[in-house]
C-alpha atoms as a PDB file:
ATOM      1  CA  MET A   1       0.000   0.000   0.000  1.00  0.00           C
ATOM      2  CA  LEU A   2       1.240   3.472  -0.986  1.00  0.00           C
ATOM      3  CA  GLU A   3       4.424   1.916  -2.418  1.00  0.00           C
ATOM      4  CA  LYS A   4       4.552   4.382  -5.314  1.00  0.00           C
ATOM      5  CA  LEU A   5       3.962   7.455  -3.185  1.00  0.00           C
ATOM      6  CA  ASP A   6       7.579   8.608  -3.490  1.00  0.00           C
ATOM      7  CA  ASP A   7       7.646   8.115  -7.271  1.00  0.00           C
ATOM      8  CA  ILE A   8       5.798  11.412  -7.642  1.00  0.00           C
ATOM      9  CA  ASP A   9       7.500  14.797  -7.409  1.00  0.00           C
ATOM     10  CA  TRP A  10       4.979  16.424  -5.085  1.00  0.00           C
ATOM     11  CA  LYS A  11       6.933  19.656  -5.068  1.00  0.00           C
ATOM     12  CA  GLN A  12       5.675  20.359  -8.595  1.00  0.00           C
ATOM     13  CA  PHE A  13       2.182  20.887  -7.167  1.00  0.00           C
ATOM     14  CA  SER A  14       3.315  23.651  -4.819  1.00  0.00           C
ATOM     15  CA  CYS A  15       2.461  27.280  -5.496  1.00  0.00           C
ATOM     16  CA  PRO A  16       2.894  30.645  -3.730  1.00  0.00           C
ATOM     17  CA  ARG A  17      -0.241  29.907  -1.733  1.00  0.00           C
ATOM     18  CA  GLY A  18       1.045  26.675  -0.236  1.00  0.00           C
ATOM     19  CA  SER A  19       3.327  23.652  -0.467  1.00  0.00           C
ATOM     20  CA  ALA A  20       2.230  20.164  -1.538  1.00  0.00           C
ATOM     21  CA  GLU A  21       5.319  18.417  -0.144  1.00  0.00           C
ATOM     22  CA  ALA A  22       3.526  17.312   3.034  1.00  0.00           C
ATOM     23  CA  ILE A  23       0.952  15.246   1.109  1.00  0.00           C
ATOM     24  CA  PRO A  24       2.925  11.927   1.176  1.00  0.00           C
ATOM     25  CA  GLU A  25       3.532  12.202   4.912  1.00  0.00           C
ATOM     26  CA  LEU A  26      -0.137  12.934   5.574  1.00  0.00           C
ATOM     27  CA  LEU A  27      -1.307  10.018   3.423  1.00  0.00           C
ATOM     28  CA  ARG A  28       0.999   7.619   5.273  1.00  0.00           C
ATOM     29  CA  ALA A  29      -0.236   8.935   8.606  1.00  0.00           C
ATOM     30  CA  LEU A  30      -3.841   8.367   7.549  1.00  0.00           C
ATOM     31  CA  ALA A  31      -3.026   4.727   6.974  1.00  0.00           C
ATOM     32  CA  ASP A  32      -2.199   4.300  10.662  1.00  0.00           C
ATOM     33  CA  THR A  33      -4.653   6.549  12.490  1.00  0.00           C
ATOM     34  CA  PRO A  34      -8.317   7.605  12.167  1.00  0.00           C
ATOM     35  CA  GLU A  35      -7.574  11.108  13.458  1.00  0.00           C
ATOM     36  CA  LEU A  36      -9.954  13.553  11.762  1.00  0.00           C
ATOM     37  CA  SER A  37      -7.425  16.348  12.268  1.00  0.00           C
ATOM     38  CA  LEU A  38      -5.047  14.600   9.870  1.00  0.00           C
ATOM     39  CA  GLN A  39      -7.701  14.378   7.186  1.00  0.00           C
ATOM     40  CA  ALA A  40      -8.555  18.043   7.707  1.00  0.00           C
ATOM     41  CA  LYS A  41      -4.878  18.949   7.391  1.00  0.00           C
ATOM     42  CA  LEU A  42      -4.602  16.963   4.141  1.00  0.00           C
ATOM     43  CA  GLU A  43      -7.672  18.730   2.795  1.00  0.00           C
ATOM     44  CA  ARG A  44      -6.255  22.153   3.689  1.00  0.00           C
ATOM     45  CA  THR A  45      -2.950  21.242   2.056  1.00  0.00           C
ATOM     46  CA  LEU A  46      -4.723  20.208  -1.136  1.00  0.00           C
ATOM     47  CA  HIS A  47      -6.790  23.385  -1.090  1.00  0.00           C
ATOM     48  CA  ASP A  48      -3.638  25.478  -0.928  1.00  0.00           C
ATOM     49  CA  ALA A  49      -1.705  23.485  -3.534  1.00  0.00           C
ATOM     50  CA  LEU A  50      -2.327  23.391  -7.272  1.00  0.00           C
ATOM     51  CA  ALA A  51      -5.386  21.514  -8.498  1.00  0.00           C
ATOM     52  CA  THR A  52      -3.138  19.128 -10.427  1.00  0.00           C
ATOM     53  CA  ALA A  53      -2.355  17.464  -7.089  1.00  0.00           C
ATOM     54  CA  HIS A  54      -5.921  16.161  -6.823  1.00  0.00           C
ATOM     55  CA  ALA A  55      -5.793  13.308  -9.333  1.00  0.00           C
ATOM     56  CA  PRO A  56      -2.693  11.519  -7.947  1.00  0.00           C
ATOM     57  CA  THR A  57      -3.913  12.071  -4.385  1.00  0.00           C
ATOM     58  CA  ILE A  58      -7.261  10.472  -5.212  1.00  0.00           C
ATOM     59  CA  SER A  59      -5.504   7.349  -6.485  1.00  0.00           C
ATOM     60  CA  PHE A  60      -3.658   6.957  -3.173  1.00  0.00           C
ATOM     61  CA  LEU A  61      -6.801   7.690  -1.175  1.00  0.00           C
ATOM     62  CA  TYR A  62      -8.410   4.750  -2.933  1.00  0.00           C
ATOM     63  CA  GLU A  63      -5.526   2.544  -1.804  1.00  0.00           C
ATOM     64  CA  LEU A  64      -6.246   3.603   1.775  1.00  0.00           C
ATOM     65  CA  ILE A  65      -9.989   3.018   1.383  1.00  0.00           C
ATOM     66  CA  ASP A  66      -9.328  -0.455   0.014  1.00  0.00           C
ATOM     67  CA  ALA A  67      -6.964  -1.406   2.855  1.00  0.00           C
ATOM     68  CA  GLU A  68      -8.488  -3.490   5.631  1.00  0.00           C
ATOM     69  CA  GLN A  69      -6.669  -1.652   8.439  1.00  0.00           C
ATOM     70  CA  THR A  70      -7.856   1.852   7.446  1.00  0.00           C
ATOM     71  CA  GLN A  71     -10.395   3.026  10.001  1.00  0.00           C
ATOM     72  CA  ASN A  72     -11.889   6.303   8.760  1.00  0.00           C
ATOM     73  CA  LYS A  73     -12.938   5.016   5.341  1.00  0.00           C
ATOM     74  CA  SER A  74     -16.173   6.996   5.175  1.00  0.00           C
ATOM     75  CA  GLY A  75     -14.290  10.249   5.738  1.00  0.00           C
ATOM     76  CA  LEU A  76     -11.797   9.400   3.004  1.00  0.00           C
ATOM     77  CA  ILE A  77     -14.624   8.571   0.595  1.00  0.00           C
ATOM     78  CA  ARG A  78     -16.142  11.985   1.322  1.00  0.00           C
ATOM     79  CA  LEU A  79     -12.785  13.588   0.556  1.00  0.00           C
ATOM     80  CA  VAL A  80     -12.513  11.738  -2.777  1.00  0.00           C
ATOM     81  CA  VAL A  81     -15.940  13.016  -3.802  1.00  0.00           C
ATOM     82  CA  LYS A  82     -15.094  16.589  -2.768  1.00  0.00           C
ATOM     83  CA  LEU A  83     -11.883  16.512  -4.771  1.00  0.00           C
ATOM     84  CA  SER A  84     -13.724  15.264  -7.855  1.00  0.00           C
ATOM     85  CA  ILE A  85     -16.337  18.035  -7.879  1.00  0.00           C
ATOM     86  CA  LEU A  86     -15.607  21.217  -9.790  1.00  0.00           C
ATOM     87  CA  GLY A  87     -17.473  23.276  -7.181  1.00  0.00           C
ATOM     88  CA  GLU A  88     -14.997  22.201  -4.497  1.00  0.00           C
ATOM     89  CA  LEU A  89     -11.922  23.560  -6.253  1.00  0.00           C
ATOM     90  CA  PRO A  90      -9.018  24.937  -4.225  1.00  0.00           C
ATOM     91  CA  ARG A  91      -9.088  28.688  -3.923  1.00  0.00           C
ATOM     92  CA  ALA A  92      -5.660  28.794  -5.540  1.00  0.00           C
ATOM     93  CA  THR A  93      -7.211  27.927  -8.917  1.00  0.00           C
ATOM     94  CA  MET A  94      -9.871  30.628  -8.659  1.00  0.00           C
ATOM     95  CA  ARG A  95      -7.399  33.182  -9.984  1.00  0.00           C
ATOM     96  CA  LEU A  96      -7.844  31.420 -13.353  1.00  0.00           C
ATOM     97  CA  ARG A  97     -11.606  32.099 -13.209  1.00  0.00           C
ATOM     98  CA  SER A  98     -12.196  28.591 -14.550  1.00  0.00           C
ATOM     99  CA  TRP A  99     -10.468  25.290 -14.100  1.00  0.00           C
ATOM    100  CA  ASP A 100      -8.480  23.934 -17.002  1.00  0.00           C
ATOM    101  CA  VAL A 101     -10.703  21.380 -18.760  1.00  0.00           C
ATOM    102  CA  ALA A 102      -7.928  18.782 -18.928  1.00  0.00           C
ATOM    103  CA  GLU A 103      -7.272  19.074 -15.191  1.00  0.00           C
ATOM    104  CA  ALA A 104     -10.955  18.809 -14.390  1.00  0.00           C
ATOM    105  CA  LYS A 105     -11.357  15.694 -16.524  1.00  0.00           C
ATOM    106  CA  ALA A 106      -8.246  14.089 -15.044  1.00  0.00           C
ATOM    107  CA  CYS A 107      -9.490  14.656 -11.507  1.00  0.00           C
ATOM    108  CA  TYR A 108     -13.000  13.366 -12.228  1.00  0.00           C
ATOM    109  CA  GLN A 109     -11.625  10.350 -14.103  1.00  0.00           C
ATOM    110  CA  ALA A 110      -9.265   9.477 -11.255  1.00  0.00           C
ATOM    111  CA  ALA A 111     -12.263   9.412  -8.929  1.00  0.00           C
ATOM    112  CA  ALA A 112     -14.468   7.473 -11.368  1.00  0.00           C
ATOM    113  CA  ASP A 113     -11.675   4.918 -11.874  1.00  0.00           C
ATOM    114  CA  GLY A 114     -12.141   3.873  -8.256  1.00  0.00           C
ATOM    115  CA  GLU A 115     -15.464   2.169  -9.039  1.00  0.00           C
ATOM    116  CA  ALA A 116     -14.103  -1.278  -8.125  1.00  0.00           C
ATOM    117  CA  VAL A 117     -12.820   0.015  -4.770  1.00  0.00           C
ATOM    118  CA  LEU A 118     -16.139   1.687  -3.996  1.00  0.00           C
ATOM    119  CA  LEU A 119     -17.999  -1.465  -5.006  1.00  0.00           C
ATOM    120  CA  ARG A 120     -15.980  -3.467  -2.492  1.00  0.00           C
ATOM    121  CA  ALA A 121     -16.579  -0.794   0.143  1.00  0.00           C
ATOM    122  CA  ALA A 122     -20.319  -1.058  -0.564  1.00  0.00           C
ATOM    123  CA  SER A 123     -20.092  -4.609   0.783  1.00  0.00           C
ATOM    124  CA  SER A 124     -18.371  -3.568   4.013  1.00  0.00           C
ATOM    125  CA  GLU A 125     -19.676  -4.826   7.343  1.00  0.00           C
ATOM    126  CA  ARG A 126     -19.774  -1.201   8.530  1.00  0.00           C
ATOM    127  CA  GLU A 127     -22.936   0.597   7.520  1.00  0.00           C
ATOM    128  CA  ASP A 128     -21.303   4.033   7.426  1.00  0.00           C
ATOM    129  CA  VAL A 129     -18.772   2.742   4.892  1.00  0.00           C
ATOM    130  CA  ARG A 130     -21.490   1.034   2.830  1.00  0.00           C
ATOM    131  CA  SER A 131     -23.608   4.198   2.778  1.00  0.00           C
ATOM    132  CA  HIS A 132     -20.711   6.431   1.746  1.00  0.00           C
ATOM    133  CA  ALA A 133     -19.571   4.042  -0.974  1.00  0.00           C
ATOM    134  CA  ILE A 134     -23.083   3.957  -2.469  1.00  0.00           C
ATOM    135  CA  TRP A 135     -23.316   7.758  -2.209  1.00  0.00           C
ATOM    136  CA  ALA A 136     -19.975   8.139  -3.997  1.00  0.00           C
ATOM    137  CA  LEU A 137     -20.965   5.702  -6.752  1.00  0.00           C
ATOM    138  CA  ALA A 138     -24.042   7.831  -7.392  1.00  0.00           C
ATOM    139  CA  PHE A 139     -21.728  10.732  -8.310  1.00  0.00           C
ATOM    140  CA  PHE A 140     -20.296   8.651 -11.157  1.00  0.00           C
ATOM    141  CA  ALA A 141     -23.623   7.092 -12.150  1.00  0.00           C
ATOM    142  CA  ALA A 142     -23.388   7.708 -15.892  1.00  0.00           C
ATOM    143  CA  GLY A 143     -20.335   5.471 -16.305  1.00  0.00           C
ATOM    144  CA  LEU A 144     -21.080   2.688 -13.833  1.00  0.00           C
ATOM    145  CA  GLN A 145     -20.743  -0.929 -14.909  1.00  0.00           C
ATOM    146  CA  ASP A 146     -23.895  -3.070 -15.014  1.00  0.00           C
ATOM    147  CA  GLU A 147     -22.631  -5.302 -12.198  1.00  0.00           C
ATOM    148  CA  THR A 148     -22.177  -2.258  -9.944  1.00  0.00           C
ATOM    149  CA  VAL A 149     -25.720  -1.060 -10.624  1.00  0.00           C
ATOM    150  CA  ALA A 150     -27.044  -4.582  -9.974  1.00  0.00           C
ATOM    151  CA  HIS A 151     -25.226  -4.664  -6.642  1.00  0.00           C
ATOM    152  CA  ILE A 152     -26.730  -1.330  -5.611  1.00  0.00           C
ATOM    153  CA  ALA A 153     -30.189  -2.652  -6.541  1.00  0.00           C
ATOM    154  CA  ASP A 154     -29.525  -5.701  -4.389  1.00  0.00           C
ATOM    155  CA  ILE A 155     -28.555  -3.523  -1.417  1.00  0.00           C
ATOM    156  CA  ALA A 156     -31.759  -1.524  -1.896  1.00  0.00           C
ATOM    157  CA  GLN A 157     -33.743  -4.666  -1.196  1.00  0.00           C
ATOM    158  CA  LYS A 158     -31.998  -6.289   1.737  1.00  0.00           C
ATOM    159  CA  ALA A 159     -29.190  -4.275   3.365  1.00  0.00           C
ATOM    160  CA  GLY A 160     -29.266  -2.174   6.554  1.00  0.00           C
ATOM    161  CA  HIS A 161     -31.644   0.726   7.139  1.00  0.00           C
ATOM    162  CA  PHE A 162     -29.347   3.584   6.059  1.00  0.00           C
ATOM    163  CA  SER A 163     -27.694   1.527   3.321  1.00  0.00           C
ATOM    164  CA  ARG A 164     -31.089   0.741   1.804  1.00  0.00           C
ATOM    165  CA  ALA A 165     -32.037   4.417   1.835  1.00  0.00           C
ATOM    166  CA  CYS A 166     -28.761   5.372   0.149  1.00  0.00           C
ATOM    167  CA  ALA A 167     -29.145   2.584  -2.421  1.00  0.00           C
ATOM    168  CA  VAL A 168     -32.655   3.595  -3.470  1.00  0.00           C
ATOM    169  CA  LEU A 169     -31.575   7.245  -3.759  1.00  0.00           C
ATOM    170  CA  ALA A 170     -28.640   6.115  -5.882  1.00  0.00           C
ATOM    171  CA  LEU A 171     -30.926   4.129  -8.195  1.00  0.00           C
ATOM    172  CA  GLY A 172     -32.956   7.247  -8.969  1.00  0.00           C
ATOM    173  CA  ILE A 173     -29.770   9.177  -9.745  1.00  0.00           C
ATOM    174  CA  ILE A 174     -28.476   6.315 -11.906  1.00  0.00           C
ATOM    175  CA  ASP A 175     -31.670   6.281 -13.967  1.00  0.00           C
ATOM    176  CA  PHE A 176     -31.456  10.073 -14.180  1.00  0.00           C
ATOM    177  CA  GLN A 177     -27.862  10.029 -15.436  1.00  0.00           C
ATOM    178  CA  LYS A 178     -28.369   7.083 -17.792  1.00  0.00           C
ATOM    179  CA  ASN A 179     -31.525   8.611 -19.247  1.00  0.00           C
ATOM    180  CA  THR A 180     -33.753   5.673 -18.400  1.00  0.00           C
ATOM    181  CA  ASN A 181     -36.346   4.531 -15.883  1.00  0.00           C
ATOM    182  CA  THR A 182     -35.112   0.952 -15.634  1.00  0.00           C
ATOM    183  CA  HIS A 183     -35.509   0.767 -11.864  1.00  0.00           C
ATOM    184  CA  LEU A 184     -38.951   2.338 -11.682  1.00  0.00           C
ATOM    185  CA  PRO A 185     -40.803  -1.005 -11.187  1.00  0.00           C
ATOM    186  CA  LEU A 186     -38.424  -2.042  -8.396  1.00  0.00           C
ATOM    187  CA  LEU A 187     -38.704   1.340  -6.691  1.00  0.00           C
ATOM    188  CA  GLN A 188     -42.487   1.248  -6.948  1.00  0.00           C
ATOM    189  CA  ALA A 189     -42.553  -2.196  -5.336  1.00  0.00           C
ATOM    190  CA  LEU A 190     -40.249  -1.021  -2.539  1.00  0.00           C
ATOM    191  CA  PHE A 191     -42.432   2.041  -1.903  1.00  0.00           C
ATOM    192  CA  ASP A 192     -45.577  -0.080  -1.682  1.00  0.00           C
ATOM    193  CA  SER A 193     -44.024  -2.703   0.585  1.00  0.00           C
ATOM    194  CA  ASP A 194     -42.030  -0.570   3.030  1.00  0.00           C
ATOM    195  CA  THR A 195     -43.952   0.121   6.220  1.00  0.00           C
ATOM    196  CA  GLY A 196     -41.267  -0.174   8.882  1.00  0.00           C
ATOM    197  CA  GLY A 197     -38.685   2.043  10.561  1.00  0.00           C
ATOM    198  CA  ASN A 198     -39.072   5.808  10.738  1.00  0.00           C
ATOM    199  CA  GLY A 199     -40.043   6.199   7.085  1.00  0.00           C
ATOM    200  CA  LEU A 200     -36.493   6.867   5.892  1.00  0.00           C
ATOM    201  CA  VAL A 201     -36.420   4.102   3.289  1.00  0.00           C
ATOM    202  CA  LYS A 202     -39.954   4.875   2.096  1.00  0.00           C
ATOM    203  CA  THR A 203     -39.074   8.565   1.829  1.00  0.00           C
ATOM    204  CA  ALA A 204     -35.889   7.792  -0.089  1.00  0.00           C
ATOM    205  CA  THR A 205     -37.882   5.532  -2.407  1.00  0.00           C
ATOM    206  CA  ALA A 206     -40.492   8.233  -3.075  1.00  0.00           C
ATOM    207  CA  ILE A 207     -37.718  10.706  -3.916  1.00  0.00           C
ATOM    208  CA  SER A 208     -36.031   8.200  -6.198  1.00  0.00           C
ATOM    209  CA  ILE A 209     -39.273   7.329  -7.999  1.00  0.00           C
ATOM    210  CA  LEU A 210     -40.031  10.961  -8.754  1.00  0.00           C
ATOM    211  CA  VAL A 211     -36.511  11.515 -10.067  1.00  0.00           C
ATOM    212  CA  SER A 212     -36.532   8.316 -12.130  1.00  0.00           C
ATOM    213  CA  ALA A 213     -40.021   8.902 -13.529  1.00  0.00           C
ATOM    214  CA  SER A 214     -39.580  12.573 -14.281  1.00  0.00           C
ATOM    215  CA  PHE A 215     -36.136  12.879 -15.849  1.00  0.00           C
ATOM    216  CA  THR A 216     -36.042  10.516 -18.782  1.00  0.00           C
ATOM    217  CA  THR A 217     -34.641  12.952 -21.358  1.00  0.00           C
ATOM    218  CA  SER A 218     -31.270  14.627 -21.519  1.00  0.00           C
ATOM    219  CA  LYS A 219     -32.957  18.044 -21.527  1.00  0.00           C
ATOM    220  CA  ARG A 220     -34.489  17.288 -18.101  1.00  0.00           C
ATOM    221  CA  LYS A 221     -37.412  19.642 -18.688  1.00  0.00           C
ATOM    222  CA  GLN A 222     -40.264  17.218 -18.246  1.00  0.00           C
ATOM    223  CA  LYS A 223     -42.803  18.163 -15.597  1.00  0.00           C
ATOM    224  CA  LEU A 224     -44.121  15.679 -13.104  1.00  0.00           C
ATOM    225  CA  GLU A 225     -46.942  13.769 -14.753  1.00  0.00           C
ATOM    226  CA  SER A 226     -47.030  10.766 -12.434  1.00  0.00           C
ATOM    227  CA  GLY A 227     -46.178   9.797  -8.912  1.00  0.00           C
ATOM    228  CA  GLU A 228     -49.095  11.542  -7.200  1.00  0.00           C
ATOM    229  CA  ALA A 229     -48.940   9.017  -4.361  1.00  0.00           C
ATOM    230  CA  MET A 230     -45.264   9.820  -3.829  1.00  0.00           C
ATOM    231  CA  LEU A 231     -45.897  13.551  -3.924  1.00  0.00           C
ATOM    232  CA  SER A 232     -48.668  13.216  -1.368  1.00  0.00           C
ATOM    233  CA  PHE A 233     -46.529  11.037   0.877  1.00  0.00           C
ATOM    234  CA  LEU A 234     -43.588  13.460   0.779  1.00  0.00           C
ATOM    235  CA  LEU A 235     -45.813  16.464   1.352  1.00  0.00           C
ATOM    236  CA  ASP A 236     -48.204  15.142   3.984  1.00  0.00           C
ATOM    237  CA  LYS A 237     -45.972  12.809   5.986  1.00  0.00           C
ATOM    238  CA  ALA A 238     -42.271  12.859   5.125  1.00  0.00           C
ATOM    239  CA  LEU A 239     -41.561  16.591   5.022  1.00  0.00           C
ATOM    240  CA  PRO A 240     -43.318  17.427   8.318  1.00  0.00           C
ATOM    241  CA  PHE A 241     -41.526  14.517   9.992  1.00  0.00           C
ATOM    242  CA  PHE A 242     -38.025  15.144   8.664  1.00  0.00           C
ATOM    243  CA  ALA A 243     -38.244  18.913   9.164  1.00  0.00           C
ATOM    244  CA  GLY A 244     -37.780  18.126  12.835  1.00  0.00           C
ATOM    245  CA  GLN A 245     -35.111  15.459  12.354  1.00  0.00           C
ATOM    246  CA  GLN A 246     -31.445  15.531  11.466  1.00  0.00           C
ATOM    247  CA  GLN A 247     -30.039  12.227  10.289  1.00  0.00           C
ATOM    248  CA  ASP A 248     -26.414  11.438  10.979  1.00  0.00           C
ATOM    249  CA  GLU A 249     -24.511  12.344   7.806  1.00  0.00           C
ATOM    250  CA  ASN A 250     -22.023   9.599   8.667  1.00  0.00           C
ATOM    251  CA  TYR A 251     -24.768   7.139   7.736  1.00  0.00           C
ATOM    252  CA  LEU A 252     -26.804   9.261   5.295  1.00  0.00           C
ATOM    253  CA  PRO A 253     -24.356  11.420   3.320  1.00  0.00           C
ATOM    254  CA  PHE A 254     -26.980  12.579   0.782  1.00  0.00           C
ATOM    255  CA  TYR A 255     -27.720  16.253   1.506  1.00  0.00           C
ATOM    256  CA  ALA A 256     -25.566  15.874   4.651  1.00  0.00           C
ATOM    257  CA  GLY A 257     -28.423  14.045   6.376  1.00  0.00           C
ATOM    258  CA  ARG A 258     -30.932  16.850   5.746  1.00  0.00           C
ATOM    259  CA  MET A 259     -33.776  14.819   4.264  1.00  0.00           C
ATOM    260  CA  ASP A 260     -36.113  17.800   4.535  1.00  0.00           C
ATOM    261  CA  ARG A 261     -33.923  19.670   2.042  1.00  0.00           C
ATOM    262  CA  TYR A 262     -33.806  16.701  -0.314  1.00  0.00           C
ATOM    263  CA  ILE A 263     -37.602  16.384  -0.117  1.00  0.00           C
ATOM    264  CA  THR A 264     -38.028  20.093  -0.849  1.00  0.00           C
ATOM    265  CA  ALA A 265     -35.692  19.862  -3.845  1.00  0.00           C
ATOM    266  CA  VAL A 266     -37.791  17.054  -5.294  1.00  0.00           C
ATOM    267  CA  LEU A 267     -41.111  18.760  -4.573  1.00  0.00           C
ATOM    268  CA  ALA A 268     -39.776  21.844  -6.334  1.00  0.00           C
ATOM    269  CA  LEU A 269     -39.614  19.837  -9.562  1.00  0.00           C
ATOM    270  CA  ALA A 270     -43.396  20.032  -9.813  1.00  0.00           C
ATOM    271  CA  ASP A 271     -45.017  22.680 -11.966  1.00  0.00           C
ATOM    272  CA  PRO A 272     -45.700  26.119 -10.392  1.00  0.00           C
ATOM    273  CA  ASP A 273     -49.431  25.597  -9.872  1.00  0.00           C
ATOM    274  CA  LYS A 274     -48.789  22.332  -8.063  1.00  0.00           C
ATOM    275  CA  ILE A 275     -46.180  23.989  -5.856  1.00  0.00           C
ATOM    276  CA  LEU A 276     -48.577  26.746  -4.855  1.00  0.00           C
ATOM    277  CA  SER A 277     -51.255  24.166  -4.025  1.00  0.00           C
ATOM    278  CA  MET A 278     -48.816  22.554  -1.595  1.00  0.00           C
ATOM    279  CA  LEU A 279     -48.230  25.664   0.500  1.00  0.00           C
ATOM    280  CA  PRO A 280     -51.468  25.649   2.550  1.00  0.00           C
ATOM    281  CA  ALA A 281     -50.800  22.092   3.716  1.00  0.00           C
ATOM    282  CA  LEU A 282     -47.238  22.976   4.681  1.00  0.00           C
ATOM    283  CA  ALA A 283     -48.411  26.061   6.556  1.00  0.00           C
ATOM    284  CA  ALA A 284     -51.049  24.026   8.381  1.00  0.00           C
ATOM    285  CA  SER A 285     -48.399  21.648   9.685  1.00  0.00           C
ATOM    286  CA  LEU A 286     -46.374  24.410  11.360  1.00  0.00           C
ATOM    287  CA  SER A 287     -48.352  24.465  14.604  1.00  0.00           C
ATOM    288  CA  SER A 288     -47.558  20.820  15.318  1.00  0.00           C
ATOM    289  CA  LEU A 289     -43.803  21.204  14.835  1.00  0.00           C
ATOM    290  CA  SER A 290     -41.015  22.176  17.201  1.00  0.00           C
ATOM    291  CA  GLU A 291     -39.379  25.592  16.858  1.00  0.00           C
ATOM    292  CA  LYS A 292     -36.436  24.110  14.974  1.00  0.00           C
ATOM    293  CA  ALA A 293     -38.732  22.117  12.717  1.00  0.00           C
ATOM    294  CA  GLN A 294     -40.846  25.229  12.058  1.00  0.00           C
ATOM    295  CA  LYS A 295     -37.720  27.038  10.899  1.00  0.00           C
ATOM    296  CA  HIS A 296     -36.872  24.197   8.539  1.00  0.00           C
ATOM    297  CA  MET A 297     -40.430  24.046   7.223  1.00  0.00           C
ATOM    298  CA  ILE A 298     -40.559  27.799   6.553  1.00  0.00           C
ATOM    299  CA  GLU A 299     -37.226  27.485   4.769  1.00  0.00           C
ATOM    300  CA  ALA A 300     -38.730  24.704   2.650  1.00  0.00           C
ATOM    301  CA  MET A 301     -41.763  26.845   1.817  1.00  0.00           C
ATOM    302  CA  PHE A 302     -39.589  29.724   0.622  1.00  0.00           C
ATOM    303  CA  MET A 303     -37.556  27.335  -1.510  1.00  0.00           C
ATOM    304  CA  LEU A 304     -40.748  26.128  -3.159  1.00  0.00           C
ATOM    305  CA  ILE A 305     -41.974  29.692  -3.737  1.00  0.00           C
ATOM    306  CA  ASP A 306     -38.641  30.611  -5.298  1.00  0.00           C
ATOM    307  CA  LYS A 307     -38.835  27.587  -7.625  1.00  0.00           C
ATOM    308  CA  ALA A 308     -42.426  28.351  -8.589  1.00  0.00           C
ATOM    309  CA  HIS A 309     -41.713  31.991  -9.325  1.00  0.00           C
ATOM    310  CA  PRO A 310     -37.957  32.539  -9.893  1.00  0.00           C
ATOM    311  CA  LYS A 311     -38.422  36.311 -10.129  1.00  0.00           C
ATOM    312  CA  LEU A 312     -39.754  36.434  -6.579  1.00  0.00           C
ATOM    313  CA  LYS A 313     -36.971  36.303  -4.010  1.00  0.00           C
ATOM    314  CA  THR A 314     -37.201  35.347  -0.357  1.00  0.00           C
ATOM    315  CA  ARG A 315     -36.595  38.949   0.726  1.00  0.00           C
ATOM    316  CA  ASP A 316     -39.914  39.945  -0.895  1.00  0.00           C
ATOM    317  CA  PHE A 317     -41.747  37.932   1.757  1.00  0.00           C
ATOM    318  CA  ASN A 318     -39.903  39.212   4.831  1.00  0.00           C
END
């Protein structure tokens, strides 16, 4: 593990903002300890170095994730995803106004090339690792192998509570990215059959169904024409419940555990008239919620209003 770490001239990734020479030392340290401070230090170092350091670092992070002795695998998976997303670029590259296309592709490809590692992690005995691996695979949905997608579908039907929720969310994203609704029958069956737990899996399934059923073209402009049962469930039961709950993002990395925000994002896909028809029901639920939940619900209502009428901003309703 990490045998080729010294084959790379890390100094070449340094810039006036910061040095990249500490990256090998930090990666080796992460192999021996789960200390979150080390991961944070590695992330800061990468943020200060040139963006070209991301791709080789991702490859070594995958070696750590794949190693049996590595303890903080979920945190390392989160870091891989962050490094692969254009929106998480180091500030040092912002002086260029845009990231070089070749660098961006190299970084994304390095992360996508870890599909086999993530697939193995998705079979981990630890649910936090399984959930994060599934979440990460969803980021690279368009290029996933059929066997990987089949494994995610299998997890959606029989794995742990959080893993199942992550798997069904991933299936909706996979259908979305692959321009199909292949998993719609399975998701529908899961929605109809799930009656246990706190509604997390059923909520995730409703979200996934609406995404899978609604985005079947590359233009992604279709309005919701089906899934009324899912819309009603999310509106009447799931959103009021999850507005007062915060899931642990270590087990539900989608939307950092904020299911109420994910629900609102999906509801906002409806057409404007449908959104406006939802508001009275949301307002009626406020009195039964805690103060924190009321705040989340009001936030959700403003998000829906903004989606229904983009020209109206939240400040207009203060």
